[in-house]
Amino acid sequence: MKEITKKLPSFPGKAFLAPMAGITDPAFRLLCKEFGAGLVVTELTSINAIVAKERLLKEEKKKITEFIEFSEKERPLSIQLFGSDLKMLEKAVKIISPYADIIDYNMGCPAPNITQQMAGAALLQEPKLTRKIFRTLVENSTKPVTLKIRSGVSKPDKFLKIAKIAEEEGISMITFHPRTIKQGYSGKSDWSLIKKLKQSVTMPVVGNGDITSPEDTKRMLEETGCDYVMIGRAASSNPFLFTQVNDYLKTGKYQQISAKRKLKGFFSYLKYTRRYLSIKPSSIRMQAMNFTKGCMGARKLRGDLLGVNDVETIEKMMKDFYKSL
């Protein structure tokens, strides 16, 4: 086993925000960080796109941070990559290492547009290639490298082998979503596989899948022995979940979040979006719809929001809805 020389940063909480395409933009990550997320991870980014963008930005005397936007307040910040071309991977890692606290490599995404590129969870079928990928990542990064995986393609049969290779090549931490590619996000994630993985490696393990409450978080930590948890879909409609989790793990109780308080969170998010050129009105509209989930009378509002692409109109509609509560 290679000696791990790149130490992970310390995390202020045990619950991490999962990277989600179209959702975990820099404004949302900042909001979750303020609400107590121990770690935030950027949306997965193509290594080819990083290399191509860096070349163009250099010509304009700009940095890659014009493409991968973030706030210093998000730190520790994890930048997630996907792609299996080793030469492009080496270049991309060298480009982003100066800006990240952690480089995370995605082998968990089941989306066909990713797996068809021999990327994401499709790499679970390629142990020899993944070893080369891990080695390239670790040797060319000045920061710790972490990994996100699934349990297998059509059955849970690949994760232990991939985890062993990852540990041998100096990967510092592994996030495990115990569903297969075939399952996608359907069915139940098998937490017993997280326990199995935790018992087979010495590096920290982050459990991921079906956490919707502080009670779920505590149960996963206790049942599996994992070191941290990663929360995705539940956090997209309730970023206050990180505050609730932290309170529950510390005191055994937590506050319920009122509809009005949730909507105040959206207005904070909206304020932060003005700092980032990369956040599109369609993303802001999606966040508005997410923040209203569970609010009385919100179904009509979400229907009305569907065709809106003007941020000022979205803000007005959300303010009118807030006043009506």
C-alpha atoms as a PDB file:
ATOM      1  CA  MET A   1       0.000   0.000   0.000  1.00  0.00           C
ATOM      2  CA  LYS A   2       1.225   3.471  -0.843  1.00  0.00           C
ATOM      3  CA  GLU A   3       1.745   5.836   2.027  1.00  0.00           C
ATOM      4  CA  ILE A   4      -0.888   8.577   1.991  1.00  0.00           C
ATOM      5  CA  THR A   5       1.057  11.813   2.340  1.00  0.00           C
ATOM      6  CA  LYS A   6      -1.725  14.239   1.450  1.00  0.00           C
ATOM      7  CA  LYS A   7      -3.729  14.795   4.599  1.00  0.00           C
ATOM      8  CA  LEU A   8      -7.429  15.554   4.416  1.00  0.00           C
ATOM      9  CA  PRO A   9      -8.546  18.903   5.819  1.00  0.00           C
ATOM     10  CA  SER A  10     -10.565  18.868   9.029  1.00  0.00           C
ATOM     11  CA  PHE A  11     -14.341  18.918   8.537  1.00  0.00           C
ATOM     12  CA  PRO A  12     -16.563  20.989  10.851  1.00  0.00           C
ATOM     13  CA  GLY A  13     -19.468  18.530  10.551  1.00  0.00           C
ATOM     14  CA  LYS A  14     -20.175  14.889   9.715  1.00  0.00           C
ATOM     15  CA  ALA A  15     -22.762  15.629   7.010  1.00  0.00           C
ATOM     16  CA  PHE A  16     -21.489  16.537   3.525  1.00  0.00           C
ATOM     17  CA  LEU A  17     -23.372  18.015   0.568  1.00  0.00           C
ATOM     18  CA  ALA A  18     -23.462  15.695  -2.451  1.00  0.00           C
ATOM     19  CA  PRO A  19     -22.639  17.112  -5.882  1.00  0.00           C
ATOM     20  CA  MET A  20     -25.815  17.373  -7.978  1.00  0.00           C
ATOM     21  CA  ALA A  21     -25.901  18.625 -11.559  1.00  0.00           C
ATOM     22  CA  GLY A  22     -27.917  21.827 -11.897  1.00  0.00           C
ATOM     23  CA  ILE A  23     -28.371  22.145  -8.126  1.00  0.00           C
ATOM     24  CA  THR A  24     -25.050  22.465  -6.291  1.00  0.00           C
ATOM     25  CA  ASP A  25     -24.017  25.733  -7.906  1.00  0.00           C
ATOM     26  CA  PRO A  26     -21.688  28.042  -5.917  1.00  0.00           C
ATOM     27  CA  ALA A  27     -24.566  30.000  -4.351  1.00  0.00           C
ATOM     28  CA  PHE A  28     -26.296  26.847  -3.095  1.00  0.00           C
ATOM     29  CA  ARG A  29     -23.033  25.374  -1.827  1.00  0.00           C
ATOM     30  CA  LEU A  30     -22.331  28.564   0.104  1.00  0.00           C
ATOM     31  CA  LEU A  31     -25.794  28.458   1.657  1.00  0.00           C
ATOM     32  CA  CYS A  32     -25.341  24.823   2.722  1.00  0.00           C
ATOM     33  CA  LYS A  33     -21.935  25.649   4.142  1.00  0.00           C
ATOM     34  CA  GLU A  34     -23.499  28.412   6.256  1.00  0.00           C
ATOM     35  CA  PHE A  35     -26.116  25.935   7.463  1.00  0.00           C
ATOM     36  CA  GLY A  36     -23.413  23.544   8.672  1.00  0.00           C
ATOM     37  CA  ALA A  37     -22.371  21.250   5.810  1.00  0.00           C
ATOM     38  CA  GLY A  38     -19.021  19.711   6.754  1.00  0.00           C
ATOM     39  CA  LEU A  39     -17.914  19.608   3.113  1.00  0.00           C
ATOM     40  CA  VAL A  40     -19.339  20.859  -0.171  1.00  0.00           C
ATOM     41  CA  VAL A  41     -18.501  19.381  -3.571  1.00  0.00           C
ATOM     42  CA  THR A  42     -18.819  21.087  -6.951  1.00  0.00           C
ATOM     43  CA  GLU A  43     -21.020  19.681  -9.692  1.00  0.00           C
ATOM     44  CA  LEU A  44     -19.102  17.041 -11.622  1.00  0.00           C
ATOM     45  CA  THR A  45     -16.920  18.658 -14.298  1.00  0.00           C
ATOM     46  CA  SER A  46     -15.434  17.116 -17.418  1.00  0.00           C
ATOM     47  CA  ILE A  47     -11.640  16.970 -17.520  1.00  0.00           C
ATOM     48  CA  ASN A  48     -11.839  17.760 -21.254  1.00  0.00           C
ATOM     49  CA  ALA A  49     -13.883  20.884 -20.538  1.00  0.00           C
ATOM     50  CA  ILE A  50     -11.377  22.061 -17.901  1.00  0.00           C
ATOM     51  CA  VAL A  51      -8.431  21.712 -20.270  1.00  0.00           C
ATOM     52  CA  ALA A  52     -10.260  23.395 -23.176  1.00  0.00           C
ATOM     53  CA  LYS A  53     -11.597  26.247 -21.023  1.00  0.00           C
ATOM     54  CA  GLU A  54      -8.238  26.891 -19.385  1.00  0.00           C
ATOM     55  CA  ARG A  55      -6.661  27.308 -22.815  1.00  0.00           C
ATOM     56  CA  LEU A  56      -9.308  29.845 -23.869  1.00  0.00           C
ATOM     57  CA  LEU A  57      -9.227  31.708 -20.562  1.00  0.00           C
ATOM     58  CA  LYS A  58      -5.437  31.983 -20.698  1.00  0.00           C
ATOM     59  CA  GLU A  59      -5.750  33.800 -24.021  1.00  0.00           C
ATOM     60  CA  GLU A  60      -8.023  36.316 -22.275  1.00  0.00           C
ATOM     61  CA  LYS A  61      -5.625  36.487 -19.306  1.00  0.00           C
ATOM     62  CA  LYS A  62      -8.213  34.900 -17.024  1.00  0.00           C
ATOM     63  CA  LYS A  63      -8.080  31.953 -14.595  1.00  0.00           C
ATOM     64  CA  ILE A  64      -9.984  28.665 -14.520  1.00  0.00           C
ATOM     65  CA  THR A  65     -11.997  30.091 -11.607  1.00  0.00           C
ATOM     66  CA  GLU A  66     -14.013  31.968 -14.238  1.00  0.00           C
ATOM     67  CA  PHE A  67     -15.261  28.500 -15.285  1.00  0.00           C
ATOM     68  CA  ILE A  68     -15.350  26.675 -11.932  1.00  0.00           C
ATOM     69  CA  GLU A  69     -16.745  29.419  -9.693  1.00  0.00           C
ATOM     70  CA  PHE A  70     -16.607  29.205  -5.910  1.00  0.00           C
ATOM     71  CA  SER A  71     -16.349  31.303  -2.764  1.00  0.00           C
ATOM     72  CA  GLU A  72     -13.502  31.177  -0.269  1.00  0.00           C
ATOM     73  CA  LYS A  73     -16.219  30.768   2.384  1.00  0.00           C
ATOM     74  CA  GLU A  74     -17.016  27.304   0.999  1.00  0.00           C
ATOM     75  CA  ARG A  75     -13.711  25.835   2.159  1.00  0.00           C
ATOM     76  CA  PRO A  76     -12.811  23.095   2.536  1.00  0.00           C
ATOM     77  CA  LEU A  77     -13.870  22.831  -1.120  1.00  0.00           C
ATOM     78  CA  SER A  78     -13.897  19.628  -3.126  1.00  0.00           C
ATOM     79  CA  ILE A  79     -13.818  19.855  -6.933  1.00  0.00           C
ATOM     80  CA  GLN A  80     -15.282  16.785  -8.613  1.00  0.00           C
ATOM     81  CA  LEU A  81     -13.950  15.504 -11.930  1.00  0.00           C
ATOM     82  CA  PHE A  82     -15.030  12.891 -14.443  1.00  0.00           C
ATOM     83  CA  GLY A  83     -13.346  11.484 -17.533  1.00  0.00           C
ATOM     84  CA  SER A  84     -10.920   8.639 -18.237  1.00  0.00           C
ATOM     85  CA  ASP A  85      -8.391   9.995 -20.769  1.00  0.00           C
ATOM     86  CA  LEU A  86      -5.171   9.794 -18.748  1.00  0.00           C
ATOM     87  CA  LYS A  87      -3.349  12.630 -20.536  1.00  0.00           C
ATOM     88  CA  MET A  88      -6.322  14.982 -20.171  1.00  0.00           C
ATOM     89  CA  LEU A  89      -6.754  13.885 -16.559  1.00  0.00           C
ATOM     90  CA  GLU A  90      -3.150  14.771 -15.753  1.00  0.00           C
ATOM     91  CA  LYS A  91      -3.565  18.220 -17.310  1.00  0.00           C
ATOM     92  CA  ALA A  92      -6.912  18.884 -15.588  1.00  0.00           C
ATOM     93  CA  VAL A  93      -5.583  17.876 -12.163  1.00  0.00           C
ATOM     94  CA  LYS A  94      -2.596  20.206 -12.497  1.00  0.00           C
ATOM     95  CA  ILE A  95      -4.919  23.052 -13.521  1.00  0.00           C
ATOM     96  CA  ILE A  96      -7.327  22.766 -10.584  1.00  0.00           C
ATOM     97  CA  SER A  97      -5.011  21.590  -7.779  1.00  0.00           C
ATOM     98  CA  PRO A  98      -3.991  25.124  -6.774  1.00  0.00           C
ATOM     99  CA  TYR A  99      -7.632  26.065  -6.132  1.00  0.00           C
ATOM    100  CA  ALA A 100      -9.147  22.954  -4.523  1.00  0.00           C
ATOM    101  CA  ASP A 101      -8.743  21.588  -1.003  1.00  0.00           C
ATOM    102  CA  ILE A 102      -9.734  18.146  -2.273  1.00  0.00           C
ATOM    103  CA  ILE A 103      -9.969  16.638  -5.740  1.00  0.00           C
ATOM    104  CA  ASP A 104     -12.853  14.186  -5.936  1.00  0.00           C
ATOM    105  CA  TYR A 105     -13.128  11.655  -8.735  1.00  0.00           C
ATOM    106  CA  ASN A 106     -16.563  10.498  -9.866  1.00  0.00           C
ATOM    107  CA  MET A 107     -17.136   6.786 -10.412  1.00  0.00           C
ATOM    108  CA  GLY A 108     -20.708   6.922  -9.160  1.00  0.00           C
ATOM    109  CA  CYS A 109     -22.768   8.816 -11.724  1.00  0.00           C
ATOM    110  CA  PRO A 110     -25.203   6.428 -13.482  1.00  0.00           C
ATOM    111  CA  ALA A 111     -26.411   8.941 -16.116  1.00  0.00           C
ATOM    112  CA  PRO A 112     -26.105   7.470 -19.645  1.00  0.00           C
ATOM    113  CA  ASN A 113     -24.512  10.658 -21.043  1.00  0.00           C
ATOM    114  CA  ILE A 114     -21.648  10.109 -18.556  1.00  0.00           C
ATOM    115  CA  THR A 115     -21.340   6.312 -18.608  1.00  0.00           C
ATOM    116  CA  GLN A 116     -21.309   6.228 -22.436  1.00  0.00           C
ATOM    117  CA  GLN A 117     -18.055   8.217 -22.288  1.00  0.00           C
ATOM    118  CA  MET A 118     -16.439   5.437 -20.214  1.00  0.00           C
ATOM    119  CA  ALA A 119     -16.758   7.711 -17.197  1.00  0.00           C
ATOM    120  CA  GLY A 120     -18.709   7.827 -13.963  1.00  0.00           C
ATOM    121  CA  ALA A 121     -20.014   4.469 -12.746  1.00  0.00           C
ATOM    122  CA  ALA A 122     -19.132   2.735 -16.037  1.00  0.00           C
ATOM    123  CA  LEU A 123     -15.522   2.586 -14.819  1.00  0.00           C
ATOM    124  CA  LEU A 124     -16.525   0.015 -12.190  1.00  0.00           C
ATOM    125  CA  GLN A 125     -16.124  -2.524 -15.007  1.00  0.00           C
ATOM    126  CA  GLU A 126     -12.511  -1.477 -15.700  1.00  0.00           C
ATOM    127  CA  PRO A 127     -10.245  -2.206 -12.690  1.00  0.00           C
ATOM    128  CA  LYS A 128      -6.996  -1.953 -14.697  1.00  0.00           C
ATOM    129  CA  LEU A 129      -7.955   1.444 -16.095  1.00  0.00           C
ATOM    130  CA  THR A 130      -9.157   2.693 -12.715  1.00  0.00           C
ATOM    131  CA  ARG A 131      -5.779   1.848 -11.167  1.00  0.00           C
ATOM    132  CA  LYS A 132      -4.093   4.012 -13.835  1.00  0.00           C
ATOM    133  CA  ILE A 133      -6.624   6.768 -13.193  1.00  0.00           C
ATOM    134  CA  PHE A 134      -6.054   6.735  -9.428  1.00  0.00           C
ATOM    135  CA  ARG A 135      -2.291   6.758  -9.908  1.00  0.00           C
ATOM    136  CA  THR A 136      -2.510   9.693 -12.336  1.00  0.00           C
ATOM    137  CA  LEU A 137      -4.721  11.623  -9.927  1.00  0.00           C
ATOM    138  CA  VAL A 138      -2.546  11.080  -6.847  1.00  0.00           C
ATOM    139  CA  GLU A 139       0.798  11.656  -8.596  1.00  0.00           C
ATOM    140  CA  ASN A 140      -0.300  14.933 -10.228  1.00  0.00           C
ATOM    141  CA  SER A 141      -2.375  16.472  -7.464  1.00  0.00           C
ATOM    142  CA  THR A 142      -0.927  18.637  -4.721  1.00  0.00           C
ATOM    143  CA  LYS A 143      -4.114  17.995  -2.713  1.00  0.00           C
ATOM    144  CA  PRO A 144      -5.724  14.846  -1.288  1.00  0.00           C
ATOM    145  CA  VAL A 145      -7.740  12.824  -3.789  1.00  0.00           C
ATOM    146  CA  THR A 146     -11.067  11.251  -2.875  1.00  0.00           C
ATOM    147  CA  LEU A 147     -13.368   8.911  -4.760  1.00  0.00           C
ATOM    148  CA  LYS A 148     -17.116   8.381  -5.172  1.00  0.00           C
ATOM    149  CA  ILE A 149     -18.379   4.976  -6.285  1.00  0.00           C
ATOM    150  CA  ARG A 150     -21.478   2.793  -6.592  1.00  0.00           C
ATOM    151  CA  SER A 151     -21.789  -0.880  -5.712  1.00  0.00           C
ATOM    152  CA  GLY A 152     -21.658  -2.275  -9.241  1.00  0.00           C
ATOM    153  CA  VAL A 153     -23.278  -2.269 -12.661  1.00  0.00           C
ATOM    154  CA  SER A 154     -26.243  -4.637 -12.414  1.00  0.00           C
ATOM    155  CA  LYS A 155     -25.381  -6.220  -9.039  1.00  0.00           C
ATOM    156  CA  PRO A 156     -23.221  -5.207  -6.046  1.00  0.00           C
ATOM    157  CA  ASP A 157     -20.039  -6.991  -7.025  1.00  0.00           C
ATOM    158  CA  LYS A 158     -17.353  -4.433  -7.882  1.00  0.00           C
ATOM    159  CA  PHE A 159     -17.075  -2.005  -4.982  1.00  0.00           C
ATOM    160  CA  LEU A 160     -14.671  -3.924  -2.724  1.00  0.00           C
ATOM    161  CA  LYS A 161     -12.189  -4.552  -5.528  1.00  0.00           C
ATOM    162  CA  ILE A 162     -12.251  -0.912  -6.650  1.00  0.00           C
ATOM    163  CA  ALA A 163     -11.908   0.297  -3.048  1.00  0.00           C
ATOM    164  CA  LYS A 164      -8.879  -1.937  -2.509  1.00  0.00           C
ATOM    165  CA  ILE A 165      -7.217  -0.554  -5.665  1.00  0.00           C
ATOM    166  CA  ALA A 166      -8.053   2.993  -4.530  1.00  0.00           C
ATOM    167  CA  GLU A 167      -6.423   2.450  -1.140  1.00  0.00           C
ATOM    168  CA  GLU A 168      -3.336   0.874  -2.714  1.00  0.00           C
ATOM    169  CA  GLU A 169      -2.932   3.900  -4.987  1.00  0.00           C
ATOM    170  CA  GLY A 170      -3.169   6.524  -2.235  1.00  0.00           C
ATOM    171  CA  ILE A 171      -6.796   7.684  -2.426  1.00  0.00           C
ATOM    172  CA  SER A 172      -7.527   9.479   0.848  1.00  0.00           C
ATOM    173  CA  MET A 173     -11.281   8.918   1.337  1.00  0.00           C
ATOM    174  CA  ILE A 174     -14.117   7.079  -0.411  1.00  0.00           C
ATOM    175  CA  THR A 175     -17.799   7.993  -0.712  1.00  0.00           C
ATOM    176  CA  PHE A 176     -20.017   4.984  -1.311  1.00  0.00           C
ATOM    177  CA  HIS A 177     -23.559   5.022  -2.694  1.00  0.00           C
ATOM    178  CA  PRO A 178     -24.732   1.402  -2.304  1.00  0.00           C
ATOM    179  CA  ARG A 179     -26.917   1.240  -5.395  1.00  0.00           C
ATOM    180  CA  THR A 180     -26.002  -0.203  -8.787  1.00  0.00           C
ATOM    181  CA  ILE A 181     -25.947   1.662 -12.096  1.00  0.00           C
ATOM    182  CA  LYS A 182     -29.037  -0.298 -13.108  1.00  0.00           C
ATOM    183  CA  GLN A 183     -30.918   0.917 -10.026  1.00  0.00           C
ATOM    184  CA  GLY A 184     -30.147   4.554 -10.721  1.00  0.00           C
ATOM    185  CA  TYR A 185     -31.926   6.330  -7.860  1.00  0.00           C
ATOM    186  CA  SER A 186     -34.762   3.790  -7.549  1.00  0.00           C
ATOM    187  CA  GLY A 187     -35.328   1.203  -4.869  1.00  0.00           C
ATOM    188  CA  LYS A 188     -33.491   1.270  -1.559  1.00  0.00           C
ATOM    189  CA  SER A 189     -29.789   1.728  -1.001  1.00  0.00           C
ATOM    190  CA  ASP A 190     -28.284  -1.233   0.863  1.00  0.00           C
ATOM    191  CA  TRP A 191     -26.556   0.238   3.903  1.00  0.00           C
ATOM    192  CA  SER A 192     -25.149  -3.178   4.885  1.00  0.00           C
ATOM    193  CA  LEU A 193     -22.755  -2.786   1.936  1.00  0.00           C
ATOM    194  CA  ILE A 194     -21.410   0.431   3.489  1.00  0.00           C
ATOM    195  CA  LYS A 195     -20.582  -1.535   6.635  1.00  0.00           C
ATOM    196  CA  LYS A 196     -18.893  -4.199   4.520  1.00  0.00           C
ATOM    197  CA  LEU A 197     -16.796  -1.571   2.742  1.00  0.00           C
ATOM    198  CA  LYS A 198     -15.875   0.199   5.980  1.00  0.00           C
ATOM    199  CA  GLN A 199     -14.604  -3.088   7.432  1.00  0.00           C
ATOM    200  CA  SER A 200     -12.417  -3.732   4.370  1.00  0.00           C
ATOM    201  CA  VAL A 201     -10.486  -0.410   4.179  1.00  0.00           C
ATOM    202  CA  THR A 202      -8.531   1.814   6.552  1.00  0.00           C
ATOM    203  CA  MET A 203      -9.293   5.148   4.859  1.00  0.00           C
ATOM    204  CA  PRO A 204     -12.359   7.204   5.919  1.00  0.00           C
ATOM    205  CA  VAL A 205     -15.673   6.126   4.376  1.00  0.00           C
ATOM    206  CA  VAL A 206     -18.569   8.469   3.581  1.00  0.00           C
ATOM    207  CA  GLY A 207     -21.979   6.765   3.432  1.00  0.00           C
ATOM    208  CA  ASN A 208     -24.444   8.034   0.839  1.00  0.00           C
ATOM    209  CA  GLY A 209     -28.024   7.108  -0.025  1.00  0.00           C
ATOM    210  CA  ASP A 210     -31.541   7.629   1.367  1.00  0.00           C
ATOM    211  CA  ILE A 211     -30.698  10.067   4.145  1.00  0.00           C
ATOM    212  CA  THR A 212     -33.694  12.365   4.587  1.00  0.00           C
ATOM    213  CA  SER A 213     -33.532  13.273   8.280  1.00  0.00           C
ATOM    214  CA  PRO A 214     -31.195  13.723  11.255  1.00  0.00           C
ATOM    215  CA  GLU A 215     -32.413  10.340  12.544  1.00  0.00           C
ATOM    216  CA  ASP A 216     -31.346   8.690   9.269  1.00  0.00           C
ATOM    217  CA  THR A 217     -27.909  10.241   9.631  1.00  0.00           C
ATOM    218  CA  LYS A 218     -27.386   8.908  13.140  1.00  0.00           C
ATOM    219  CA  ARG A 219     -28.688   5.482  12.140  1.00  0.00           C
ATOM    220  CA  MET A 220     -26.328   5.233   9.160  1.00  0.00           C
ATOM    221  CA  LEU A 221     -23.337   6.246  11.262  1.00  0.00           C
ATOM    222  CA  GLU A 222     -24.222   3.683  13.940  1.00  0.00           C
ATOM    223  CA  GLU A 223     -25.279   0.807  11.663  1.00  0.00           C
ATOM    224  CA  THR A 224     -22.422   1.031   9.173  1.00  0.00           C
ATOM    225  CA  GLY A 225     -19.543   2.515  11.170  1.00  0.00           C
ATOM    226  CA  CYS A 226     -18.938   5.043   8.370  1.00  0.00           C
ATOM    227  CA  ASP A 227     -17.039   8.194   9.283  1.00  0.00           C
ATOM    228  CA  TYR A 228     -19.259  10.744   7.518  1.00  0.00           C
ATOM    229  CA  VAL A 229     -22.485  10.865   5.526  1.00  0.00           C
ATOM    230  CA  MET A 230     -23.300  12.573   2.237  1.00  0.00           C
ATOM    231  CA  ILE A 231     -26.750  14.070   1.655  1.00  0.00           C
ATOM    232  CA  GLY A 232     -28.095  14.876  -1.805  1.00  0.00           C
ATOM    233  CA  ARG A 233     -31.760  15.065  -2.778  1.00  0.00           C
ATOM    234  CA  ALA A 234     -33.086  15.782   0.742  1.00  0.00           C
ATOM    235  CA  ALA A 235     -30.718  18.756   1.068  1.00  0.00           C
ATOM    236  CA  SER A 236     -31.834  20.183  -2.292  1.00  0.00           C
ATOM    237  CA  SER A 237     -35.252  20.999  -0.828  1.00  0.00           C
ATOM    238  CA  ASN A 238     -34.088  21.561   2.757  1.00  0.00           C
ATOM    239  CA  PRO A 239     -30.525  22.884   3.146  1.00  0.00           C
ATOM    240  CA  PHE A 240     -31.396  23.507   6.810  1.00  0.00           C
ATOM    241  CA  LEU A 241     -31.025  19.735   7.177  1.00  0.00           C
ATOM    242  CA  PHE A 242     -27.319  20.248   7.898  1.00  0.00           C
ATOM    243  CA  THR A 243     -28.127  22.447  10.899  1.00  0.00           C
ATOM    244  CA  GLN A 244     -30.663  19.880  12.102  1.00  0.00           C
ATOM    245  CA  VAL A 245     -28.187  17.003  11.697  1.00  0.00           C
ATOM    246  CA  ASN A 246     -25.438  18.809  13.587  1.00  0.00           C
ATOM    247  CA  ASP A 247     -27.822  19.708  16.428  1.00  0.00           C
ATOM    248  CA  TYR A 248     -29.202  16.173  16.635  1.00  0.00           C
ATOM    249  CA  LEU A 249     -25.789  14.508  16.715  1.00  0.00           C
ATOM    250  CA  LYS A 250     -24.674  16.937  19.425  1.00  0.00           C
ATOM    251  CA  THR A 251     -27.785  17.213  21.634  1.00  0.00           C
ATOM    252  CA  GLY A 252     -30.239  14.518  20.533  1.00  0.00           C
ATOM    253  CA  LYS A 253     -32.795  17.076  19.367  1.00  0.00           C
ATOM    254  CA  TYR A 254     -33.317  19.656  16.628  1.00  0.00           C
ATOM    255  CA  GLN A 255     -35.738  22.381  15.540  1.00  0.00           C
ATOM    256  CA  GLN A 256     -38.363  21.940  12.843  1.00  0.00           C
ATOM    257  CA  ILE A 257     -38.050  24.436   9.986  1.00  0.00           C
ATOM    258  CA  SER A 258     -41.102  26.545   9.201  1.00  0.00           C
ATOM    259  CA  ALA A 259     -42.183  27.277   5.623  1.00  0.00           C
ATOM    260  CA  LYS A 260     -41.323  30.947   6.067  1.00  0.00           C
ATOM    261  CA  ARG A 261     -37.839  30.149   7.339  1.00  0.00           C
ATOM    262  CA  LYS A 262     -37.253  27.850   4.366  1.00  0.00           C
ATOM    263  CA  LEU A 263     -38.255  30.623   1.973  1.00  0.00           C
ATOM    264  CA  LYS A 264     -35.914  33.050   3.716  1.00  0.00           C
ATOM    265  CA  GLY A 265     -33.211  30.547   2.836  1.00  0.00           C
ATOM    266  CA  PHE A 266     -34.196  30.869  -0.817  1.00  0.00           C
ATOM    267  CA  PHE A 267     -33.880  34.658  -0.672  1.00  0.00           C
ATOM    268  CA  SER A 268     -30.380  34.270   0.782  1.00  0.00           C
ATOM    269  CA  TYR A 269     -29.564  31.897  -2.081  1.00  0.00           C
ATOM    270  CA  LEU A 270     -30.954  34.403  -4.578  1.00  0.00           C
ATOM    271  CA  LYS A 271     -28.740  37.137  -3.135  1.00  0.00           C
ATOM    272  CA  TYR A 272     -25.672  34.930  -3.518  1.00  0.00           C
ATOM    273  CA  THR A 273     -26.489  34.078  -7.150  1.00  0.00           C
ATOM    274  CA  ARG A 274     -25.793  37.681  -8.143  1.00  0.00           C
ATOM    275  CA  ARG A 275     -22.081  37.064  -7.516  1.00  0.00           C
ATOM    276  CA  TYR A 276     -21.819  34.280 -10.101  1.00  0.00           C
ATOM    277  CA  LEU A 277     -22.204  34.617 -13.857  1.00  0.00           C
ATOM    278  CA  SER A 278     -22.471  30.859 -14.347  1.00  0.00           C
ATOM    279  CA  ILE A 279     -25.852  30.524 -12.569  1.00  0.00           C
ATOM    280  CA  LYS A 280     -28.645  30.587 -15.121  1.00  0.00           C
ATOM    281  CA  PRO A 281     -32.271  31.699 -14.569  1.00  0.00           C
ATOM    282  CA  SER A 282     -33.388  28.094 -15.196  1.00  0.00           C
ATOM    283  CA  SER A 283     -31.279  26.953 -12.226  1.00  0.00           C
ATOM    284  CA  ILE A 284     -32.705  29.694 -10.009  1.00  0.00           C
ATOM    285  CA  ARG A 285     -36.217  28.635 -11.046  1.00  0.00           C
ATOM    286  CA  MET A 286     -35.422  25.025 -10.124  1.00  0.00           C
ATOM    287  CA  GLN A 287     -34.130  26.106  -6.731  1.00  0.00           C
ATOM    288  CA  ALA A 288     -37.285  28.168  -6.152  1.00  0.00           C
ATOM    289  CA  MET A 289     -39.387  25.084  -6.869  1.00  0.00           C
ATOM    290  CA  ASN A 290     -37.226  22.942  -4.587  1.00  0.00           C
ATOM    291  CA  PHE A 291     -37.419  25.401  -1.686  1.00  0.00           C
ATOM    292  CA  THR A 292     -41.239  25.420  -1.819  1.00  0.00           C
ATOM    293  CA  LYS A 293     -41.585  21.628  -1.478  1.00  0.00           C
ATOM    294  CA  GLY A 294     -43.670  20.828   1.567  1.00  0.00           C
ATOM    295  CA  CYS A 295     -45.129  24.344   1.771  1.00  0.00           C
ATOM    296  CA  MET A 296     -48.926  24.650   1.874  1.00  0.00           C
ATOM    297  CA  GLY A 297     -50.316  25.826  -1.472  1.00  0.00           C
ATOM    298  CA  ALA A 298     -46.990  25.524  -3.277  1.00  0.00           C
ATOM    299  CA  ARG A 299     -48.172  23.177  -6.022  1.00  0.00           C
ATOM    300  CA  LYS A 300     -49.864  26.001  -7.942  1.00  0.00           C
ATOM    301  CA  LEU A 301     -46.816  28.226  -7.519  1.00  0.00           C
ATOM    302  CA  ARG A 302     -44.523  25.535  -8.923  1.00  0.00           C
ATOM    303  CA  GLY A 303     -46.829  25.162 -11.902  1.00  0.00           C
ATOM    304  CA  ASP A 304     -46.782  28.923 -12.480  1.00  0.00           C
ATOM    305  CA  LEU A 305     -42.981  28.994 -12.219  1.00  0.00           C
ATOM    306  CA  LEU A 306     -42.487  26.399 -14.961  1.00  0.00           C
ATOM    307  CA  GLY A 307     -42.437  28.834 -17.870  1.00  0.00           C
ATOM    308  CA  VAL A 308     -40.627  31.693 -16.126  1.00  0.00           C
ATOM    309  CA  ASN A 309     -37.072  32.555 -17.185  1.00  0.00           C
ATOM    310  CA  ASP A 310     -36.772  36.048 -15.728  1.00  0.00           C
ATOM    311  CA  VAL A 311     -35.082  36.245 -12.319  1.00  0.00           C
ATOM    312  CA  GLU A 312     -36.959  39.390 -11.240  1.00  0.00           C
ATOM    313  CA  THR A 313     -40.276  37.684 -11.959  1.00  0.00           C
ATOM    314  CA  ILE A 314     -39.191  34.590 -10.015  1.00  0.00           C
ATOM    315  CA  GLU A 315     -38.231  36.793  -7.061  1.00  0.00           C
ATOM    316  CA  LYS A 316     -41.560  38.645  -7.141  1.00  0.00           C
ATOM    317  CA  MET A 317     -43.543  35.402  -7.303  1.00  0.00           C
ATOM    318  CA  MET A 318     -41.609  33.986  -4.364  1.00  0.00           C
ATOM    319  CA  LYS A 319     -42.077  37.176  -2.318  1.00  0.00           C
ATOM    320  CA  ASP A 320     -45.821  37.166  -3.010  1.00  0.00           C
ATOM    321  CA  PHE A 321     -45.977  33.514  -1.958  1.00  0.00           C
ATOM    322  CA  TYR A 322     -44.000  34.283   1.208  1.00  0.00           C
ATOM    323  CA  LYS A 323     -46.487  37.052   2.123  1.00  0.00           C
ATOM    324  CA  SER A 324     -49.386  34.660   1.620  1.00  0.00           C
ATOM    325  CA  LEU A 325     -48.122  32.144   4.192  1.00  0.00           C
END
